[in-house]
Amino acid sequence: MDEIVEQGFERLQTLISEAKTEQERLSEEIIKQNAALLVRMTESVAPIAKEVGSEYLLKAKQDSKGDLYDQKYYDEKMIILGKSEDPVALRPDDPKKKVIQQFCVLSENGNLYELMFSNDGFVVDTYASALTPEDALEFYGYDIIYMLYSAMKEYLLAEEDVIAALDLTLGYIQKKNQT
């Protein structure tokens, strides 16, 4: 009887080890495919940006009270996907301008941008720098995938099985990154 219990226990340990190995392999494959996942998700969400996105300031002047006038906005509406906690110091288009805020946005045309805000006390303006999916993930992490997932879920842009799969994947990745 003890031999049967011992064999059963050994088999259970083998199955657990095999499952853990497979789980790690699949997790690594998911991480390798993050850019492809991001592209597919942006393609799904971009069409609603025209409806629910916001117009973002391109340039404006600021009076002594801090009120803006002569505002100009980007032609495309955008959805914010992430914010940099540590913005770059200076803008790449004009190294004299300090970056005060920096966001990852998705435009209604499906493009990812890094939107950098500057303010010299008189002119408030922004610079939109195109982002590749790989750079977006490197700079902003899984937050942008989570925001796209939230939009897909909220606006029912995917079938239920796709949402369920994304939910499981993101939950697994986030839990893995916390340990």
C-alpha atoms as a PDB file:
ATOM      1  CA  MET A   1       0.000   0.000   0.000  1.00  0.00           C
ATOM      2  CA  ASP A   2       2.825   2.405   0.891  1.00  0.00           C
ATOM      3  CA  GLU A   3       4.471   1.682  -2.484  1.00  0.00           C
ATOM      4  CA  ILE A   4       1.296   2.662  -4.355  1.00  0.00           C
ATOM      5  CA  VAL A   5       1.024   5.918  -2.391  1.00  0.00           C
ATOM      6  CA  GLU A   6       4.732   6.589  -2.983  1.00  0.00           C
ATOM      7  CA  GLN A   7       4.366   5.943  -6.746  1.00  0.00           C
ATOM      8  CA  GLY A   8       1.284   8.145  -6.905  1.00  0.00           C
ATOM      9  CA  PHE A   9       3.117  10.925  -5.081  1.00  0.00           C
ATOM     10  CA  GLU A  10       6.124  10.650  -7.415  1.00  0.00           C
ATOM     11  CA  ARG A  11       3.826  10.746 -10.459  1.00  0.00           C
ATOM     12  CA  LEU A  12       2.062  13.820  -9.072  1.00  0.00           C
ATOM     13  CA  GLN A  13       5.413  15.558  -8.554  1.00  0.00           C
ATOM     14  CA  THR A  14       6.412  14.696 -12.129  1.00  0.00           C
ATOM     15  CA  LEU A  15       3.127  16.114 -13.491  1.00  0.00           C
ATOM     16  CA  ILE A  16       3.553  19.304 -11.462  1.00  0.00           C
ATOM     17  CA  SER A  17       7.120  19.712 -12.711  1.00  0.00           C
ATOM     18  CA  GLU A  18       6.046  19.139 -16.325  1.00  0.00           C
ATOM     19  CA  ALA A  19       3.171  21.608 -15.978  1.00  0.00           C
ATOM     20  CA  LYS A  20       5.489  24.226 -14.473  1.00  0.00           C
ATOM     21  CA  THR A  21       7.976  23.755 -17.314  1.00  0.00           C
ATOM     22  CA  GLU A  22       5.194  24.103 -19.894  1.00  0.00           C
ATOM     23  CA  GLN A  23       3.821  27.169 -18.113  1.00  0.00           C
ATOM     24  CA  GLU A  24       7.258  28.827 -18.171  1.00  0.00           C
ATOM     25  CA  ARG A  25       7.707  27.954 -21.865  1.00  0.00           C
ATOM     26  CA  LEU A  26       4.320  29.425 -22.744  1.00  0.00           C
ATOM     27  CA  SER A  27       4.993  32.514 -20.640  1.00  0.00           C
ATOM     28  CA  GLU A  28       8.259  33.106 -22.491  1.00  0.00           C
ATOM     29  CA  GLU A  29       6.443  32.689 -25.812  1.00  0.00           C
ATOM     30  CA  ILE A  30       3.813  35.229 -24.770  1.00  0.00           C
ATOM     31  CA  ILE A  31       6.518  37.711 -23.808  1.00  0.00           C
ATOM     32  CA  LYS A  32       8.213  37.197 -27.204  1.00  0.00           C
ATOM     33  CA  GLN A  33       4.894  37.898 -28.926  1.00  0.00           C
ATOM     34  CA  ASN A  34       4.016  41.038 -26.950  1.00  0.00           C
ATOM     35  CA  ALA A  35       4.663  43.396 -29.871  1.00  0.00           C
ATOM     36  CA  ALA A  36       2.381  41.342 -32.124  1.00  0.00           C
ATOM     37  CA  LEU A  37      -0.272  41.323 -29.401  1.00  0.00           C
ATOM     38  CA  LEU A  38       0.051  45.095 -29.033  1.00  0.00           C
ATOM     39  CA  VAL A  39      -0.367  45.619 -32.790  1.00  0.00           C
ATOM     40  CA  ARG A  40      -3.510  43.463 -32.898  1.00  0.00           C
ATOM     41  CA  MET A  41      -4.959  45.252 -29.890  1.00  0.00           C
ATOM     42  CA  THR A  42      -4.259  48.731 -31.316  1.00  0.00           C
ATOM     43  CA  GLU A  43      -5.955  47.674 -34.564  1.00  0.00           C
ATOM     44  CA  SER A  44      -9.036  46.685 -32.569  1.00  0.00           C
ATOM     45  CA  VAL A  45      -9.176  49.808 -30.401  1.00  0.00           C
ATOM     46  CA  ALA A  46      -8.134  52.541 -32.887  1.00  0.00           C
ATOM     47  CA  PRO A  47     -11.578  52.835 -34.531  1.00  0.00           C
ATOM     48  CA  ILE A  48     -13.205  53.944 -31.266  1.00  0.00           C
ATOM     49  CA  ALA A  49     -10.568  56.623 -30.616  1.00  0.00           C
ATOM     50  CA  LYS A  50     -12.448  58.920 -32.991  1.00  0.00           C
ATOM     51  CA  GLU A  51     -15.528  58.607 -30.764  1.00  0.00           C
ATOM     52  CA  VAL A  52     -14.081  58.411 -27.243  1.00  0.00           C
ATOM     53  CA  GLY A  53     -10.613  59.883 -27.712  1.00  0.00           C
ATOM     54  CA  SER A  54      -9.619  63.415 -26.798  1.00  0.00           C
ATOM     55  CA  GLU A  55      -8.175  66.278 -28.760  1.00  0.00           C
ATOM     56  CA  TYR A  56      -4.706  67.109 -27.489  1.00  0.00           C
ATOM     57  CA  LEU A  57      -3.028  70.450 -27.504  1.00  0.00           C
ATOM     58  CA  LEU A  58      -0.447  71.026 -30.186  1.00  0.00           C
ATOM     59  CA  LYS A  59       0.399  74.596 -29.204  1.00  0.00           C
ATOM     60  CA  ALA A  60      -1.056  77.501 -27.229  1.00  0.00           C
ATOM     61  CA  LYS A  61      -0.044  80.745 -25.606  1.00  0.00           C
ATOM     62  CA  GLN A  62      -0.450  81.302 -21.892  1.00  0.00           C
ATOM     63  CA  ASP A  63      -1.428  84.617 -20.288  1.00  0.00           C
ATOM     64  CA  SER A  64      -0.238  85.886 -16.920  1.00  0.00           C
ATOM     65  CA  LYS A  65      -3.160  84.159 -15.157  1.00  0.00           C
ATOM     66  CA  GLY A  66      -2.221  80.788 -16.677  1.00  0.00           C
ATOM     67  CA  ASP A  67      -5.163  80.727 -19.096  1.00  0.00           C
ATOM     68  CA  LEU A  68      -4.496  79.425 -22.605  1.00  0.00           C
ATOM     69  CA  TYR A  69      -5.383  81.238 -25.830  1.00  0.00           C
ATOM     70  CA  ASP A  70      -4.690  80.775 -29.557  1.00  0.00           C
ATOM     71  CA  GLN A  71      -4.927  77.022 -29.023  1.00  0.00           C
ATOM     72  CA  LYS A  72      -4.151  74.601 -31.848  1.00  0.00           C
ATOM     73  CA  TYR A  73      -4.893  70.897 -31.557  1.00  0.00           C
ATOM     74  CA  TYR A  74      -3.744  67.736 -33.302  1.00  0.00           C
ATOM     75  CA  ASP A  75      -5.996  66.673 -36.192  1.00  0.00           C
ATOM     76  CA  GLU A  76      -6.446  63.171 -34.774  1.00  0.00           C
ATOM     77  CA  LYS A  77      -8.143  62.277 -31.511  1.00  0.00           C
ATOM     78  CA  MET A  78      -6.077  60.128 -29.177  1.00  0.00           C
ATOM     79  CA  ILE A  79      -6.464  57.800 -26.229  1.00  0.00           C
ATOM     80  CA  ILE A  80      -3.875  57.876 -23.436  1.00  0.00           C
ATOM     81  CA  LEU A  81      -2.426  54.428 -22.771  1.00  0.00           C
ATOM     82  CA  GLY A  82       0.327  55.263 -20.301  1.00  0.00           C
ATOM     83  CA  LYS A  83       2.235  58.035 -18.574  1.00  0.00           C
ATOM     84  CA  SER A  84       5.955  58.189 -17.985  1.00  0.00           C
ATOM     85  CA  GLU A  85       6.847  58.592 -14.327  1.00  0.00           C
ATOM     86  CA  ASP A  86      10.289  59.730 -15.426  1.00  0.00           C
ATOM     87  CA  PRO A  87       9.953  61.857 -18.587  1.00  0.00           C
ATOM     88  CA  VAL A  88      12.986  62.550 -20.729  1.00  0.00           C
ATOM     89  CA  ALA A  89      14.698  65.790 -19.794  1.00  0.00           C
ATOM     90  CA  LEU A  90      14.582  67.538 -23.173  1.00  0.00           C
ATOM     91  CA  ARG A  91      12.570  67.188 -26.364  1.00  0.00           C
ATOM     92  CA  PRO A  92      14.292  65.522 -29.315  1.00  0.00           C
ATOM     93  CA  ASP A  93      12.888  68.112 -31.784  1.00  0.00           C
ATOM     94  CA  ASP A  94      14.180  71.062 -29.739  1.00  0.00           C
ATOM     95  CA  PRO A  95      16.799  70.381 -27.036  1.00  0.00           C
ATOM     96  CA  LYS A  96      16.099  73.788 -25.462  1.00  0.00           C
ATOM     97  CA  LYS A  97      12.601  72.674 -24.410  1.00  0.00           C
ATOM     98  CA  LYS A  98      12.177  70.797 -21.151  1.00  0.00           C
ATOM     99  CA  VAL A  99       9.625  67.959 -21.054  1.00  0.00           C
ATOM    100  CA  ILE A 100       7.181  68.373 -18.168  1.00  0.00           C
ATOM    101  CA  GLN A 101       4.870  65.440 -18.989  1.00  0.00           C
ATOM    102  CA  GLN A 102       5.158  62.478 -21.323  1.00  0.00           C
ATOM    103  CA  PHE A 103       2.428  60.054 -22.423  1.00  0.00           C
ATOM    104  CA  CYS A 104       1.986  57.041 -24.676  1.00  0.00           C
ATOM    105  CA  VAL A 105      -1.091  57.597 -26.855  1.00  0.00           C
ATOM    106  CA  LEU A 106      -2.999  55.728 -29.548  1.00  0.00           C
ATOM    107  CA  SER A 107      -4.344  57.858 -32.380  1.00  0.00           C
ATOM    108  CA  GLU A 108      -7.587  57.242 -34.215  1.00  0.00           C
ATOM    109  CA  ASN A 109      -5.476  56.095 -37.198  1.00  0.00           C
ATOM    110  CA  GLY A 110      -3.942  53.323 -35.102  1.00  0.00           C
ATOM    111  CA  ASN A 111      -0.540  54.943 -34.583  1.00  0.00           C
ATOM    112  CA  LEU A 112       1.323  54.898 -31.285  1.00  0.00           C
ATOM    113  CA  TYR A 113       2.962  58.149 -30.225  1.00  0.00           C
ATOM    114  CA  GLU A 114       4.919  59.494 -27.341  1.00  0.00           C
ATOM    115  CA  LEU A 115       3.363  62.873 -26.584  1.00  0.00           C
ATOM    116  CA  MET A 116       5.768  65.254 -24.803  1.00  0.00           C
ATOM    117  CA  PHE A 117       4.449  68.462 -23.193  1.00  0.00           C
ATOM    118  CA  SER A 118       6.610  71.561 -22.689  1.00  0.00           C
ATOM    119  CA  ASN A 119       5.899  74.946 -21.119  1.00  0.00           C
ATOM    120  CA  ASP A 120       8.289  77.891 -21.170  1.00  0.00           C
ATOM    121  CA  GLY A 121       5.927  80.184 -19.249  1.00  0.00           C
ATOM    122  CA  PHE A 122       4.468  81.770 -22.385  1.00  0.00           C
ATOM    123  CA  VAL A 123       4.100  78.936 -24.929  1.00  0.00           C
ATOM    124  CA  VAL A 124       2.699  75.521 -24.088  1.00  0.00           C
ATOM    125  CA  ASP A 125       3.345  73.019 -26.832  1.00  0.00           C
ATOM    126  CA  THR A 126       3.789  69.339 -27.511  1.00  0.00           C
ATOM    127  CA  TYR A 127       5.865  67.059 -29.645  1.00  0.00           C
ATOM    128  CA  ALA A 128       4.462  63.754 -30.915  1.00  0.00           C
ATOM    129  CA  SER A 129       7.125  61.161 -31.596  1.00  0.00           C
ATOM    130  CA  ALA A 130       6.098  57.945 -33.348  1.00  0.00           C
ATOM    131  CA  LEU A 131       6.635  54.802 -31.284  1.00  0.00           C
ATOM    132  CA  THR A 132       7.194  51.272 -32.515  1.00  0.00           C
ATOM    133  CA  PRO A 133       5.269  48.606 -30.596  1.00  0.00           C
ATOM    134  CA  GLU A 134       8.563  47.314 -29.194  1.00  0.00           C
ATOM    135  CA  ASP A 135       9.600  50.761 -27.939  1.00  0.00           C
ATOM    136  CA  ALA A 136       6.142  51.419 -26.505  1.00  0.00           C
ATOM    137  CA  LEU A 137       6.360  48.207 -24.488  1.00  0.00           C
ATOM    138  CA  GLU A 138       9.917  48.904 -23.397  1.00  0.00           C
ATOM    139  CA  PHE A 139       9.179  52.474 -22.246  1.00  0.00           C
ATOM    140  CA  TYR A 140       5.652  52.040 -20.863  1.00  0.00           C
ATOM    141  CA  GLY A 141       5.457  48.334 -20.009  1.00  0.00           C
ATOM    142  CA  TYR A 142       2.324  46.251 -19.678  1.00  0.00           C
ATOM    143  CA  ASP A 143       0.224  49.238 -18.639  1.00  0.00           C
ATOM    144  CA  ILE A 144      -0.477  50.012 -22.289  1.00  0.00           C
ATOM    145  CA  ILE A 145      -1.624  46.452 -22.987  1.00  0.00           C
ATOM    146  CA  TYR A 146      -3.851  46.612 -19.927  1.00  0.00           C
ATOM    147  CA  MET A 147      -5.379  49.924 -21.072  1.00  0.00           C
ATOM    148  CA  LEU A 148      -6.095  48.465 -24.530  1.00  0.00           C
ATOM    149  CA  TYR A 149      -7.568  45.362 -22.911  1.00  0.00           C
ATOM    150  CA  SER A 150      -9.798  47.584 -20.750  1.00  0.00           C
ATOM    151  CA  ALA A 151     -11.002  49.472 -23.826  1.00  0.00           C
ATOM    152  CA  MET A 152     -11.675  46.222 -25.672  1.00  0.00           C
ATOM    153  CA  LYS A 153     -13.637  44.908 -22.714  1.00  0.00           C
ATOM    154  CA  GLU A 154     -15.560  48.146 -22.088  1.00  0.00           C
ATOM    155  CA  TYR A 155     -16.534  48.666 -25.716  1.00  0.00           C
ATOM    156  CA  LEU A 156     -17.008  44.960 -26.531  1.00  0.00           C
ATOM    157  CA  LEU A 157     -14.508  45.072 -29.366  1.00  0.00           C
ATOM    158  CA  ALA A 158     -13.591  41.399 -29.175  1.00  0.00           C
ATOM    159  CA  GLU A 159     -15.368  38.113 -28.747  1.00  0.00           C
ATOM    160  CA  GLU A 160     -15.798  36.852 -25.210  1.00  0.00           C
ATOM    161  CA  ASP A 161     -13.178  34.122 -25.652  1.00  0.00           C
ATOM    162  CA  VAL A 162     -10.571  36.699 -26.755  1.00  0.00           C
ATOM    163  CA  ILE A 163     -11.321  38.868 -23.714  1.00  0.00           C
ATOM    164  CA  ALA A 164     -11.135  35.819 -21.422  1.00  0.00           C
ATOM    165  CA  ALA A 165      -7.786  34.798 -22.933  1.00  0.00           C
ATOM    166  CA  LEU A 166      -6.381  38.308 -22.545  1.00  0.00           C
ATOM    167  CA  ASP A 167      -7.641  38.432 -18.972  1.00  0.00           C
ATOM    168  CA  LEU A 168      -5.844  35.194 -18.130  1.00  0.00           C
ATOM    169  CA  THR A 169      -2.679  36.203 -19.969  1.00  0.00           C
ATOM    170  CA  LEU A 170      -2.445  39.616 -18.354  1.00  0.00           C
ATOM    171  CA  GLY A 171      -3.217  38.190 -14.939  1.00  0.00           C
ATOM    172  CA  TYR A 172      -0.483  35.623 -15.330  1.00  0.00           C
ATOM    173  CA  ILE A 173       2.092  38.111 -16.636  1.00  0.00           C
ATOM    174  CA  GLN A 174       1.309  40.670 -13.939  1.00  0.00           C
ATOM    175  CA  LYS A 175       1.531  38.055 -11.218  1.00  0.00           C
ATOM    176  CA  LYS A 176       4.803  36.785 -12.666  1.00  0.00           C
ATOM    177  CA  ASN A 177       6.270  40.300 -12.786  1.00  0.00           C
ATOM    178  CA  GLN A 178       5.338  40.915  -9.138  1.00  0.00           C
ATOM    179  CA  THR A 179       7.438  38.026  -7.883  1.00  0.00           C
END
